[in-house]
Amino acid sequence: MGTKTHKTNGASSTAATLRPLADRVVARPLEREAMTKSGIMLPDTATEKPMRGTVVATGEGRRNEKGARVPLDVQVGDEILFAKYAGTEFKHEDEDFLILAEKDVLAVVSS
């Protein structure tokens, strides 16, 4: 009901089944670089955790002292930057996602 979801690339059912609570955001991390600029292939264990992703679902927002909802600053479809070790990674229907609090979102990337 106030949950916003994003439907892309056949993942609509996946995103639609995730409903974060309060001020949490579900993001699909962008692919990690598997090759260095000089052409060296990197194994998964050597690549850094992605710090960029696309918002696929948002909660309704936290409640203030008076009980009113405070809307989120990020929206479904936004490309975001987040703290390196923020959130919790999880797999849902064979896709990797990250759920994090809005406070862990550092910036929205403009196109």
PDB file of N, CA and C in Angstrom:
ATOM      1  N   MET A   1       0.827  -1.173   0.000  1.00  0.00           N
ATOM      2  CA  MET A   1       0.000   0.000   0.000  1.00  0.00           C
ATOM      3  C   MET A   1       0.865   1.227   0.000  1.00  0.00           C
ATOM      4  N   GLY A   2       1.760   1.686   0.599  1.00  0.00           N
ATOM      5  CA  GLY A   2       2.606   2.813   0.346  1.00  0.00           C
ATOM      6  C   GLY A   2       3.951   2.348  -0.144  1.00  0.00           C
ATOM      7  N   THR A   3       4.083   1.062  -0.331  1.00  0.00           N
ATOM      8  CA  THR A   3       5.349   0.523  -0.802  1.00  0.00           C
ATOM      9  C   THR A   3       5.507   0.815  -2.266  1.00  0.00           C
ATOM     10  N   LYS A   4       6.679   1.237  -2.631  1.00  0.00           N
ATOM     11  CA  LYS A   4       6.963   1.520  -4.027  1.00  0.00           C
ATOM     12  C   LYS A   4       7.887   0.438  -4.537  1.00  0.00           C
ATOM     13  N   THR A   5       7.573  -0.106  -5.707  1.00  0.00           N
ATOM     14  CA  THR A   5       8.430  -1.114  -6.298  1.00  0.00           C
ATOM     15  C   THR A   5       8.756  -0.733  -7.720  1.00  0.00           C
ATOM     16  N   HIS A   6       9.819  -1.297  -8.228  1.00  0.00           N
ATOM     17  CA  HIS A   6      10.316  -0.990  -9.566  1.00  0.00           C
ATOM     18  C   HIS A   6      10.332  -2.265 -10.374  1.00  0.00           C
ATOM     19  N   LYS A   7       9.848  -2.223 -11.601  1.00  0.00           N
ATOM     20  CA  LYS A   7       9.785  -3.408 -12.440  1.00  0.00           C
ATOM     21  C   LYS A   7      10.720  -3.256 -13.621  1.00  0.00           C
ATOM     22  N   THR A   8      11.794  -4.057 -13.648  1.00  0.00           N
ATOM     23  CA  THR A   8      12.746  -4.005 -14.752  1.00  0.00           C
ATOM     24  C   THR A   8      13.255  -5.387 -15.087  1.00  0.00           C
ATOM     25  N   ASN A   9      13.605  -5.583 -16.332  1.00  0.00           N
ATOM     26  CA  ASN A   9      14.302  -6.777 -16.814  1.00  0.00           C
ATOM     27  C   ASN A   9      13.771  -8.095 -16.250  1.00  0.00           C
ATOM     28  N   GLY A  10      12.466  -8.296 -16.252  1.00  0.00           N
ATOM     29  CA  GLY A  10      11.915  -9.563 -15.807  1.00  0.00           C
ATOM     30  C   GLY A  10      11.978  -9.778 -14.310  1.00  0.00           C
ATOM     31  N   ALA A  11      12.414  -8.816 -13.559  1.00  0.00           N
ATOM     32  CA  ALA A  11      12.538  -8.971 -12.113  1.00  0.00           C
ATOM     33  C   ALA A  11      11.356  -8.356 -11.388  1.00  0.00           C
ATOM     34  N   SER A  12      10.277  -8.063 -12.118  1.00  0.00           N
ATOM     35  CA  SER A  12       9.138  -7.396 -11.500  1.00  0.00           C
ATOM     36  C   SER A  12       8.555  -8.202 -10.351  1.00  0.00           C
ATOM     37  N   SER A  13       8.450  -9.523 -10.500  1.00  0.00           N
ATOM     38  CA  SER A  13       7.891 -10.322  -9.422  1.00  0.00           C
ATOM     39  C   SER A  13       8.819 -10.320  -8.212  1.00  0.00           C
ATOM     40  N   THR A  14      10.115 -10.312  -8.443  1.00  0.00           N
ATOM     41  CA  THR A  14      11.079 -10.277  -7.350  1.00  0.00           C
ATOM     42  C   THR A  14      10.950  -8.984  -6.572  1.00  0.00           C
ATOM     43  N   ALA A  15      10.998  -7.854  -7.272  1.00  0.00           N
ATOM     44  CA  ALA A  15      10.915  -6.559  -6.603  1.00  0.00           C
ATOM     45  C   ALA A  15       9.556  -6.376  -5.935  1.00  0.00           C
ATOM     46  N   ALA A  16       8.507  -6.871  -6.569  1.00  0.00           N
ATOM     47  CA  ALA A  16       7.162  -6.693  -6.025  1.00  0.00           C
ATOM     48  C   ALA A  16       6.949  -7.490  -4.744  1.00  0.00           C
ATOM     49  N   THR A  17       7.703  -8.540  -4.516  1.00  0.00           N
ATOM     50  CA  THR A  17       7.509  -9.348  -3.319  1.00  0.00           C
ATOM     51  C   THR A  17       8.298  -8.818  -2.131  1.00  0.00           C
ATOM     52  N   LEU A  18       9.145  -7.838  -2.331  1.00  0.00           N
ATOM     53  CA  LEU A  18       9.938  -7.261  -1.247  1.00  0.00           C
ATOM     54  C   LEU A  18       9.271  -5.982  -0.760  1.00  0.00           C
ATOM     55  N   ARG A  19       8.971  -5.919   0.526  1.00  0.00           N
ATOM     56  CA  ARG A  19       8.344  -4.734   1.100  1.00  0.00           C
ATOM     57  C   ARG A  19       9.139  -4.300   2.322  1.00  0.00           C
ATOM     58  N   PRO A  20      10.103  -3.389   2.116  1.00  0.00           N
ATOM     59  CA  PRO A  20      10.887  -2.924   3.268  1.00  0.00           C
ATOM     60  C   PRO A  20      10.019  -2.110   4.221  1.00  0.00           C
ATOM     61  N   LEU A  21      10.382  -2.122   5.473  1.00  0.00           N
ATOM     62  CA  LEU A  21       9.622  -1.410   6.491  1.00  0.00           C
ATOM     63  C   LEU A  21      10.259  -0.062   6.809  1.00  0.00           C
ATOM     64  N   ALA A  22       9.429   0.851   7.258  1.00  0.00           N
ATOM     65  CA  ALA A  22       9.843   2.181   7.737  1.00  0.00           C
ATOM     66  C   ALA A  22      10.753   2.897   6.744  1.00  0.00           C
ATOM     67  N   ASP A  23      11.972   3.237   7.166  1.00  0.00           N
ATOM     68  CA  ASP A  23      12.874   4.026   6.320  1.00  0.00           C
ATOM     69  C   ASP A  23      13.928   3.158   5.644  1.00  0.00           C
ATOM     70  N   ARG A  24      13.580   1.915   5.363  1.00  0.00           N
ATOM     71  CA  ARG A  24      14.536   1.023   4.703  1.00  0.00           C
ATOM     72  C   ARG A  24      14.333   1.013   3.197  1.00  0.00           C
ATOM     73  N   VAL A  25      15.413   0.661   2.511  1.00  0.00           N
ATOM     74  CA  VAL A  25      15.456   0.665   1.048  1.00  0.00           C
ATOM     75  C   VAL A  25      16.032  -0.674   0.591  1.00  0.00           C
ATOM     76  N   VAL A  26      15.449  -1.266  -0.448  1.00  0.00           N
ATOM     77  CA  VAL A  26      16.025  -2.456  -1.073  1.00  0.00           C
ATOM     78  C   VAL A  26      16.673  -1.998  -2.367  1.00  0.00           C
ATOM     79  N   ALA A  27      17.940  -2.344  -2.550  1.00  0.00           N
ATOM     80  CA  ALA A  27      18.682  -1.950  -3.748  1.00  0.00           C
ATOM     81  C   ALA A  27      19.281  -3.171  -4.418  1.00  0.00           C
ATOM     82  N   ARG A  28      19.369  -3.103  -5.727  1.00  0.00           N
ATOM     83  CA  ARG A  28      20.066  -4.131  -6.504  1.00  0.00           C
ATOM     84  C   ARG A  28      21.467  -3.595  -6.744  1.00  0.00           C
ATOM     85  N   PRO A  29      22.490  -4.191  -6.124  1.00  0.00           N
ATOM     86  CA  PRO A  29      23.858  -3.696  -6.320  1.00  0.00           C
ATOM     87  C   PRO A  29      24.265  -3.805  -7.787  1.00  0.00           C
ATOM     88  N   LEU A  30      25.008  -2.822  -8.262  1.00  0.00           N
ATOM     89  CA  LEU A  30      25.535  -2.879  -9.611  1.00  0.00           C
ATOM     90  C   LEU A  30      26.631  -3.925  -9.664  1.00  0.00           C
ATOM     91  N   GLU A  31      26.840  -4.492 -10.813  1.00  0.00           N
ATOM     92  CA  GLU A  31      27.835  -5.545 -10.978  1.00  0.00           C
ATOM     93  C   GLU A  31      29.217  -5.081 -10.547  1.00  0.00           C
ATOM     94  N   ARG A  32      29.943  -5.993  -9.942  1.00  0.00           N
ATOM     95  CA  ARG A  32      31.319  -5.711  -9.546  1.00  0.00           C
ATOM     96  C   ARG A  32      32.212  -5.788 -10.769  1.00  0.00           C
ATOM     97  N   GLU A  33      33.268  -5.031 -10.741  1.00  0.00           N
ATOM     98  CA  GLU A  33      34.242  -5.095 -11.827  1.00  0.00           C
ATOM     99  C   GLU A  33      34.978  -6.418 -11.741  1.00  0.00           C
ATOM    100  N   ALA A  34      34.964  -7.194 -12.817  1.00  0.00           N
ATOM    101  CA  ALA A  34      35.639  -8.499 -12.824  1.00  0.00           C
ATOM    102  C   ALA A  34      37.006  -8.406 -13.464  1.00  0.00           C
ATOM    103  N   MET A  35      37.340  -7.238 -14.011  1.00  0.00           N
ATOM    104  CA  MET A  35      38.617  -7.073 -14.691  1.00  0.00           C
ATOM    105  C   MET A  35      39.170  -5.679 -14.372  1.00  0.00           C
ATOM    106  N   THR A  36      40.456  -5.616 -14.135  1.00  0.00           N
ATOM    107  CA  THR A  36      41.086  -4.324 -13.884  1.00  0.00           C
ATOM    108  C   THR A  36      41.226  -3.562 -15.198  1.00  0.00           C
ATOM    109  N   LYS A  37      41.543  -2.290 -15.113  1.00  0.00           N
ATOM    110  CA  LYS A  37      41.725  -1.477 -16.316  1.00  0.00           C
ATOM    111  C   LYS A  37      42.860  -2.004 -17.188  1.00  0.00           C
ATOM    112  N   SER A  38      43.816  -2.689 -16.570  1.00  0.00           N
ATOM    113  CA  SER A  38      44.933  -3.236 -17.340  1.00  0.00           C
ATOM    114  C   SER A  38      44.632  -4.617 -17.923  1.00  0.00           C
ATOM    115  N   GLY A  39      43.417  -5.144 -17.656  1.00  0.00           N
ATOM    116  CA  GLY A  39      43.006  -6.404 -18.267  1.00  0.00           C
ATOM    117  C   GLY A  39      43.189  -7.640 -17.424  1.00  0.00           C
ATOM    118  N   ILE A  40      43.500  -7.500 -16.150  1.00  0.00           N
ATOM    119  CA  ILE A  40      43.686  -8.658 -15.273  1.00  0.00           C
ATOM    120  C   ILE A  40      42.324  -9.078 -14.719  1.00  0.00           C
ATOM    121  N   MET A  41      41.984 -10.361 -14.880  1.00  0.00           N
ATOM    122  CA  MET A  41      40.722 -10.895 -14.362  1.00  0.00           C
ATOM    123  C   MET A  41      40.812 -11.050 -12.842  1.00  0.00           C
ATOM    124  N   LEU A  42      39.772 -10.625 -12.142  1.00  0.00           N
ATOM    125  CA  LEU A  42      39.735 -10.729 -10.686  1.00  0.00           C
ATOM    126  C   LEU A  42      38.715 -11.774 -10.256  1.00  0.00           C
ATOM    127  N   PRO A  43      39.070 -12.654  -9.321  1.00  0.00           N
ATOM    128  CA  PRO A  43      38.076 -13.600  -8.796  1.00  0.00           C
ATOM    129  C   PRO A  43      37.104 -12.854  -7.878  1.00  0.00           C
ATOM    130  N   ASP A  44      35.933 -13.441  -7.619  1.00  0.00           N
ATOM    131  CA  ASP A  44      34.938 -12.811  -6.752  1.00  0.00           C
ATOM    132  C   ASP A  44      35.506 -12.451  -5.390  1.00  0.00           C
ATOM    133  N   THR A  45      36.413 -13.265  -4.874  1.00  0.00           N
ATOM    134  CA  THR A  45      36.961 -13.020  -3.541  1.00  0.00           C
ATOM    135  C   THR A  45      37.875 -11.799  -3.503  1.00  0.00           C
ATOM    136  N   ALA A  46      38.371 -11.358  -4.653  1.00  0.00           N
ATOM    137  CA  ALA A  46      39.290 -10.222  -4.694  1.00  0.00           C
ATOM    138  C   ALA A  46      38.595  -8.911  -5.038  1.00  0.00           C
ATOM    139  N   THR A  47      37.335  -8.969  -5.450  1.00  0.00           N
ATOM    140  CA  THR A  47      36.644  -7.740  -5.821  1.00  0.00           C
ATOM    141  C   THR A  47      36.043  -7.088  -4.589  1.00  0.00           C
ATOM    142  N   GLU A  48      35.952  -5.777  -4.623  1.00  0.00           N
ATOM    143  CA  GLU A  48      35.379  -5.050  -3.503  1.00  0.00           C
ATOM    144  C   GLU A  48      33.860  -5.104  -3.555  1.00  0.00           C
ATOM    145  N   LYS A  49      33.256  -4.948  -2.394  1.00  0.00           N
ATOM    146  CA  LYS A  49      31.810  -4.895  -2.301  1.00  0.00           C
ATOM    147  C   LYS A  49      31.329  -3.672  -3.086  1.00  0.00           C
ATOM    148  N   PRO A  50      30.276  -3.819  -3.889  1.00  0.00           N
ATOM    149  CA  PRO A  50      29.799  -2.655  -4.642  1.00  0.00           C
ATOM    150  C   PRO A  50      29.262  -1.591  -3.689  1.00  0.00           C
ATOM    151  N   MET A  51      29.448  -0.356  -4.057  1.00  0.00           N
ATOM    152  CA  MET A  51      28.955   0.754  -3.245  1.00  0.00           C
ATOM    153  C   MET A  51      27.963   1.587  -4.050  1.00  0.00           C
ATOM    154  N   ARG A  52      27.408   0.958  -5.082  1.00  0.00           N
ATOM    155  CA  ARG A  52      26.475   1.631  -5.965  1.00  0.00           C
ATOM    156  C   ARG A  52      25.367   0.650  -6.320  1.00  0.00           C
ATOM    157  N   GLY A  53      24.135   1.127  -6.415  1.00  0.00           N
ATOM    158  CA  GLY A  53      23.038   0.240  -6.744  1.00  0.00           C
ATOM    159  C   GLY A  53      21.826   1.015  -7.211  1.00  0.00           C
ATOM    160  N   THR A  54      20.787   0.268  -7.562  1.00  0.00           N
ATOM    161  CA  THR A  54      19.531   0.855  -8.016  1.00  0.00           C
ATOM    162  C   THR A  54      18.446   0.483  -7.022  1.00  0.00           C
ATOM    163  N   VAL A  55      17.667   1.462  -6.598  1.00  0.00           N
ATOM    164  CA  VAL A  55      16.584   1.242  -5.641  1.00  0.00           C
ATOM    165  C   VAL A  55      15.453   0.487  -6.336  1.00  0.00           C
ATOM    166  N   VAL A  56      15.049  -0.662  -5.764  1.00  0.00           N
ATOM    167  CA  VAL A  56      13.950  -1.441  -6.329  1.00  0.00           C
ATOM    168  C   VAL A  56      12.692  -1.395  -5.466  1.00  0.00           C
ATOM    169  N   ALA A  57      12.827  -1.023  -4.199  1.00  0.00           N
ATOM    170  CA  ALA A  57      11.667  -0.898  -3.320  1.00  0.00           C
ATOM    171  C   ALA A  57      12.029   0.005  -2.150  1.00  0.00           C
ATOM    172  N   THR A  58      11.026   0.728  -1.644  1.00  0.00           N
ATOM    173  CA  THR A  58      11.241   1.589  -0.484  1.00  0.00           C
ATOM    174  C   THR A  58      10.134   1.366   0.530  1.00  0.00           C
ATOM    175  N   GLY A  59      10.448   1.635   1.777  1.00  0.00           N
ATOM    176  CA  GLY A  59       9.435   1.593   2.819  1.00  0.00           C
ATOM    177  C   GLY A  59       8.611   2.872   2.763  1.00  0.00           C
ATOM    178  N   GLU A  60       7.682   2.986   3.672  1.00  0.00           N
ATOM    179  CA  GLU A  60       6.796   4.146   3.702  1.00  0.00           C
ATOM    180  C   GLU A  60       7.421   5.350   4.397  1.00  0.00           C
ATOM    181  N   GLY A  61       8.550   5.162   5.059  1.00  0.00           N
ATOM    182  CA  GLY A  61       9.197   6.243   5.797  1.00  0.00           C
ATOM    183  C   GLY A  61       9.055   6.037   7.287  1.00  0.00           C
ATOM    184  N   ARG A  62       9.954   6.668   8.023  1.00  0.00           N
ATOM    185  CA  ARG A  62       9.893   6.535   9.484  1.00  0.00           C
ATOM    186  C   ARG A  62       8.800   7.451  10.024  1.00  0.00           C
ATOM    187  N   ARG A  63       8.472   7.279  11.270  1.00  0.00           N
ATOM    188  CA  ARG A  63       7.475   8.149  11.919  1.00  0.00           C
ATOM    189  C   ARG A  63       8.205   9.164  12.794  1.00  0.00           C
ATOM    190  N   ASN A  64       7.730  10.396  12.788  1.00  0.00           N
ATOM    191  CA  ASN A  64       8.311  11.420  13.646  1.00  0.00           C
ATOM    192  C   ASN A  64       7.700  11.341  15.045  1.00  0.00           C
ATOM    193  N   GLU A  65       8.061  12.264  15.916  1.00  0.00           N
ATOM    194  CA  GLU A  65       7.588  12.254  17.300  1.00  0.00           C
ATOM    195  C   GLU A  65       6.073  12.344  17.403  1.00  0.00           C
ATOM    196  N   LYS A  66       5.423  12.951  16.425  1.00  0.00           N
ATOM    197  CA  LYS A  66       3.967  13.113  16.445  1.00  0.00           C
ATOM    198  C   LYS A  66       3.247  11.958  15.750  1.00  0.00           C
ATOM    199  N   GLY A  67       4.003  10.994  15.246  1.00  0.00           N
ATOM    200  CA  GLY A  67       3.407   9.830  14.611  1.00  0.00           C
ATOM    201  C   GLY A  67       3.174   9.968  13.115  1.00  0.00           C
ATOM    202  N   ALA A  68       3.522  11.112  12.538  1.00  0.00           N
ATOM    203  CA  ALA A  68       3.336  11.324  11.095  1.00  0.00           C
ATOM    204  C   ALA A  68       4.493  10.686  10.323  1.00  0.00           C
ATOM    205  N   ARG A  69       4.217  10.181   9.139  1.00  0.00           N
ATOM    206  CA  ARG A  69       5.252   9.585   8.289  1.00  0.00           C
ATOM    207  C   ARG A  69       6.156  10.667   7.714  1.00  0.00           C
ATOM    208  N   VAL A  70       7.456  10.401   7.729  1.00  0.00           N
ATOM    209  CA  VAL A  70       8.443  11.279   7.104  1.00  0.00           C
ATOM    210  C   VAL A  70       8.854  10.575   5.812  1.00  0.00           C
ATOM    211  N   PRO A  71       8.508  11.141   4.641  1.00  0.00           N
ATOM    212  CA  PRO A  71       8.809  10.458   3.379  1.00  0.00           C
ATOM    213  C   PRO A  71      10.313  10.342   3.134  1.00  0.00           C
ATOM    214  N   LEU A  72      10.680   9.310   2.382  1.00  0.00           N
ATOM    215  CA  LEU A  72      12.083   9.079   2.050  1.00  0.00           C
ATOM    216  C   LEU A  72      12.556  10.070   0.993  1.00  0.00           C
ATOM    217  N   ASP A  73      13.856  10.343   0.990  1.00  0.00           N
ATOM    218  CA  ASP A  73      14.458  11.208  -0.020  1.00  0.00           C
ATOM    219  C   ASP A  73      14.795  10.447  -1.292  1.00  0.00           C
ATOM    220  N   VAL A  74      14.831   9.117  -1.230  1.00  0.00           N
ATOM    221  CA  VAL A  74      15.133   8.306  -2.414  1.00  0.00           C
ATOM    222  C   VAL A  74      13.851   7.692  -2.944  1.00  0.00           C
ATOM    223  N   GLN A  75      13.853   7.408  -4.243  1.00  0.00           N
ATOM    224  CA  GLN A  75      12.679   6.837  -4.893  1.00  0.00           C
ATOM    225  C   GLN A  75      13.084   5.585  -5.660  1.00  0.00           C
ATOM    226  N   VAL A  76      12.105   4.754  -5.953  1.00  0.00           N
ATOM    227  CA  VAL A  76      12.337   3.570  -6.767  1.00  0.00           C
ATOM    228  C   VAL A  76      12.894   4.017  -8.114  1.00  0.00           C
ATOM    229  N   GLY A  77      13.950   3.345  -8.550  1.00  0.00           N
ATOM    230  CA  GLY A  77      14.597   3.677  -9.826  1.00  0.00           C
ATOM    231  C   GLY A  77      15.828   4.547  -9.666  1.00  0.00           C
ATOM    232  N   ASP A  78      16.008   5.185  -8.500  1.00  0.00           N
ATOM    233  CA  ASP A  78      17.189   6.021  -8.267  1.00  0.00           C
ATOM    234  C   ASP A  78      18.443   5.157  -8.230  1.00  0.00           C
ATOM    235  N   GLU A  79      19.514   5.668  -8.824  1.00  0.00           N
ATOM    236  CA  GLU A  79      20.819   5.030  -8.669  1.00  0.00           C
ATOM    237  C   GLU A  79      21.463   5.697  -7.468  1.00  0.00           C
ATOM    238  N   ILE A  80      21.931   4.896  -6.522  1.00  0.00           N
ATOM    239  CA  ILE A  80      22.438   5.446  -5.263  1.00  0.00           C
ATOM    240  C   ILE A  80      23.865   4.993  -4.983  1.00  0.00           C
ATOM    241  N   LEU A  81      24.540   5.781  -4.157  1.00  0.00           N
ATOM    242  CA  LEU A  81      25.828   5.421  -3.578  1.00  0.00           C
ATOM    243  C   LEU A  81      25.565   5.160  -2.101  1.00  0.00           C
ATOM    244  N   PHE A  82      26.176   4.113  -1.560  1.00  0.00           N
ATOM    245  CA  PHE A  82      25.957   3.815  -0.155  1.00  0.00           C
ATOM    246  C   PHE A  82      27.279   3.466   0.506  1.00  0.00           C
ATOM    247  N   ALA A  83      27.282   3.513   1.824  1.00  0.00           N
ATOM    248  CA  ALA A  83      28.479   3.236   2.601  1.00  0.00           C
ATOM    249  C   ALA A  83      28.980   1.822   2.305  1.00  0.00           C
ATOM    250  N   LYS A  84      30.288   1.652   2.313  1.00  0.00           N
ATOM    251  CA  LYS A  84      30.930   0.398   1.908  1.00  0.00           C
ATOM    252  C   LYS A  84      30.399  -0.832   2.641  1.00  0.00           C
ATOM    253  N   TYR A  85      30.211  -0.750   3.923  1.00  0.00           N
ATOM    254  CA  TYR A  85      29.756  -1.910   4.689  1.00  0.00           C
ATOM    255  C   TYR A  85      28.334  -1.726   5.208  1.00  0.00           C
ATOM    256  N   ALA A  86      27.555  -0.925   4.534  1.00  0.00           N
ATOM    257  CA  ALA A  86      26.182  -0.654   4.958  1.00  0.00           C
ATOM    258  C   ALA A  86      25.247  -1.786   4.575  1.00  0.00           C
ATOM    259  N   GLY A  87      24.201  -1.926   5.332  1.00  0.00           N
ATOM    260  CA  GLY A  87      23.125  -2.834   4.966  1.00  0.00           C
ATOM    261  C   GLY A  87      23.447  -4.301   5.104  1.00  0.00           C
ATOM    262  N   THR A  88      22.496  -5.086   4.657  1.00  0.00           N
ATOM    263  CA  THR A  88      22.603  -6.535   4.709  1.00  0.00           C
ATOM    264  C   THR A  88      22.367  -7.094   3.312  1.00  0.00           C
ATOM    265  N   GLU A  89      23.319  -7.883   2.840  1.00  0.00           N
ATOM    266  CA  GLU A  89      23.170  -8.514   1.532  1.00  0.00           C
ATOM    267  C   GLU A  89      22.318  -9.766   1.689  1.00  0.00           C
ATOM    268  N   PHE A  90      21.475 -10.031   0.708  1.00  0.00           N
ATOM    269  CA  PHE A  90      20.693 -11.260   0.711  1.00  0.00           C
ATOM    270  C   PHE A  90      20.353 -11.658  -0.711  1.00  0.00           C
ATOM    271  N   LYS A  91      19.994 -12.904  -0.876  1.00  0.00           N
ATOM    272  CA  LYS A  91      19.613 -13.443  -2.178  1.00  0.00           C
ATOM    273  C   LYS A  91      18.122 -13.712  -2.137  1.00  0.00           C
ATOM    274  N   HIS A  92      17.410 -13.296  -3.184  1.00  0.00           N
ATOM    275  CA  HIS A  92      15.969 -13.534  -3.284  1.00  0.00           C
ATOM    276  C   HIS A  92      15.680 -13.956  -4.710  1.00  0.00           C
ATOM    277  N   GLU A  93      15.137 -15.154  -4.870  1.00  0.00           N
ATOM    278  CA  GLU A  93      14.846 -15.701  -6.200  1.00  0.00           C
ATOM    279  C   GLU A  93      16.063 -15.602  -7.123  1.00  0.00           C
ATOM    280  N   ASP A  94      17.205 -16.044  -6.622  1.00  0.00           N
ATOM    281  CA  ASP A  94      18.477 -16.100  -7.353  1.00  0.00           C
ATOM    282  C   ASP A  94      19.026 -14.740  -7.769  1.00  0.00           C
ATOM    283  N   GLU A  95      18.603 -13.665  -7.130  1.00  0.00           N
ATOM    284  CA  GLU A  95      19.156 -12.334  -7.390  1.00  0.00           C
ATOM    285  C   GLU A  95      19.741 -11.792  -6.102  1.00  0.00           C
ATOM    286  N   ASP A  96      20.828 -11.025  -6.229  1.00  0.00           N
ATOM    287  CA  ASP A  96      21.446 -10.400  -5.063  1.00  0.00           C
ATOM    288  C   ASP A  96      20.807  -9.041  -4.809  1.00  0.00           C
ATOM    289  N   PHE A  97      20.500  -8.774  -3.540  1.00  0.00           N
ATOM    290  CA  PHE A  97      19.936  -7.502  -3.127  1.00  0.00           C
ATOM    291  C   PHE A  97      20.645  -7.029  -1.870  1.00  0.00           C
ATOM    292  N   LEU A  98      20.396  -5.795  -1.528  1.00  0.00           N
ATOM    293  CA  LEU A  98      20.927  -5.188  -0.323  1.00  0.00           C
ATOM    294  C   LEU A  98      19.786  -4.418   0.317  1.00  0.00           C
ATOM    295  N   ILE A  99      19.575  -4.627   1.604  1.00  0.00           N
ATOM    296  CA  ILE A  99      18.577  -3.828   2.309  1.00  0.00           C
ATOM    297  C   ILE A  99      19.326  -2.932   3.281  1.00  0.00           C
ATOM    298  N   LEU A 100      19.022  -1.650   3.240  1.00  0.00           N
ATOM    299  CA  LEU A 100      19.732  -0.709   4.090  1.00  0.00           C
ATOM    300  C   LEU A 100      18.805   0.396   4.554  1.00  0.00           C
ATOM    301  N   ALA A 101      19.182   1.030   5.636  1.00  0.00           N
ATOM    302  CA  ALA A 101      18.440   2.177   6.142  1.00  0.00           C
ATOM    303  C   ALA A 101      18.740   3.382   5.264  1.00  0.00           C
ATOM    304  N   GLU A 102      17.777   4.271   5.139  1.00  0.00           N
ATOM    305  CA  GLU A 102      17.982   5.445   4.299  1.00  0.00           C
ATOM    306  C   GLU A 102      19.197   6.253   4.753  1.00  0.00           C
ATOM    307  N   LYS A 103      19.495   6.261   6.035  1.00  0.00           N
ATOM    308  CA  LYS A 103      20.650   7.019   6.526  1.00  0.00           C
ATOM    309  C   LYS A 103      21.966   6.505   5.976  1.00  0.00           C
ATOM    310  N   ASP A 104      22.002   5.241   5.488  1.00  0.00           N
ATOM    311  CA  ASP A 104      23.218   4.672   4.894  1.00  0.00           C
ATOM    312  C   ASP A 104      23.388   5.035   3.424  1.00  0.00           C
ATOM    313  N   VAL A 105      22.376   5.652   2.832  1.00  0.00           N
ATOM    314  CA  VAL A 105      22.471   6.117   1.451  1.00  0.00           C
ATOM    315  C   VAL A 105      23.229   7.446   1.492  1.00  0.00           C
ATOM    316  N   LEU A 106      24.344   7.510   0.769  1.00  0.00           N
ATOM    317  CA  LEU A 106      25.194   8.700   0.798  1.00  0.00           C
ATOM    318  C   LEU A 106      24.794   9.731  -0.251  1.00  0.00           C
ATOM    319  N   ALA A 107      24.318   9.266  -1.417  1.00  0.00           N
ATOM    320  CA  ALA A 107      23.975  10.192  -2.482  1.00  0.00           C
ATOM    321  C   ALA A 107      23.120   9.509  -3.536  1.00  0.00           C
ATOM    322  N   VAL A 108      22.363  10.317  -4.275  1.00  0.00           N
ATOM    323  CA  VAL A 108      21.643   9.845  -5.447  1.00  0.00           C
ATOM    324  C   VAL A 108      22.441  10.329  -6.644  1.00  0.00           C
ATOM    325  N   VAL A 109      22.732   9.413  -7.583  1.00  0.00           N
ATOM    326  CA  VAL A 109      23.522   9.745  -8.772  1.00  0.00           C
ATOM    327  C   VAL A 109      22.596  10.313  -9.823  1.00  0.00           C
ATOM    328  N   SER A 110      22.882  11.527 -10.294  1.00  0.00           N
ATOM    329  CA  SER A 110      22.081  12.142 -11.350  1.00  0.00           C
ATOM    330  C   SER A 110      22.564  11.658 -12.700  1.00  0.00           C
ATOM    331  N   SER A 111      21.628  11.585 -13.642  1.00  0.00           N
ATOM    332  CA  SER A 111      22.028  11.148 -14.976  1.00  0.00           C
ATOM    333  C   SER A 111      22.335  12.339 -15.859  1.00  0.00           C
TER     334      SER A 111
END
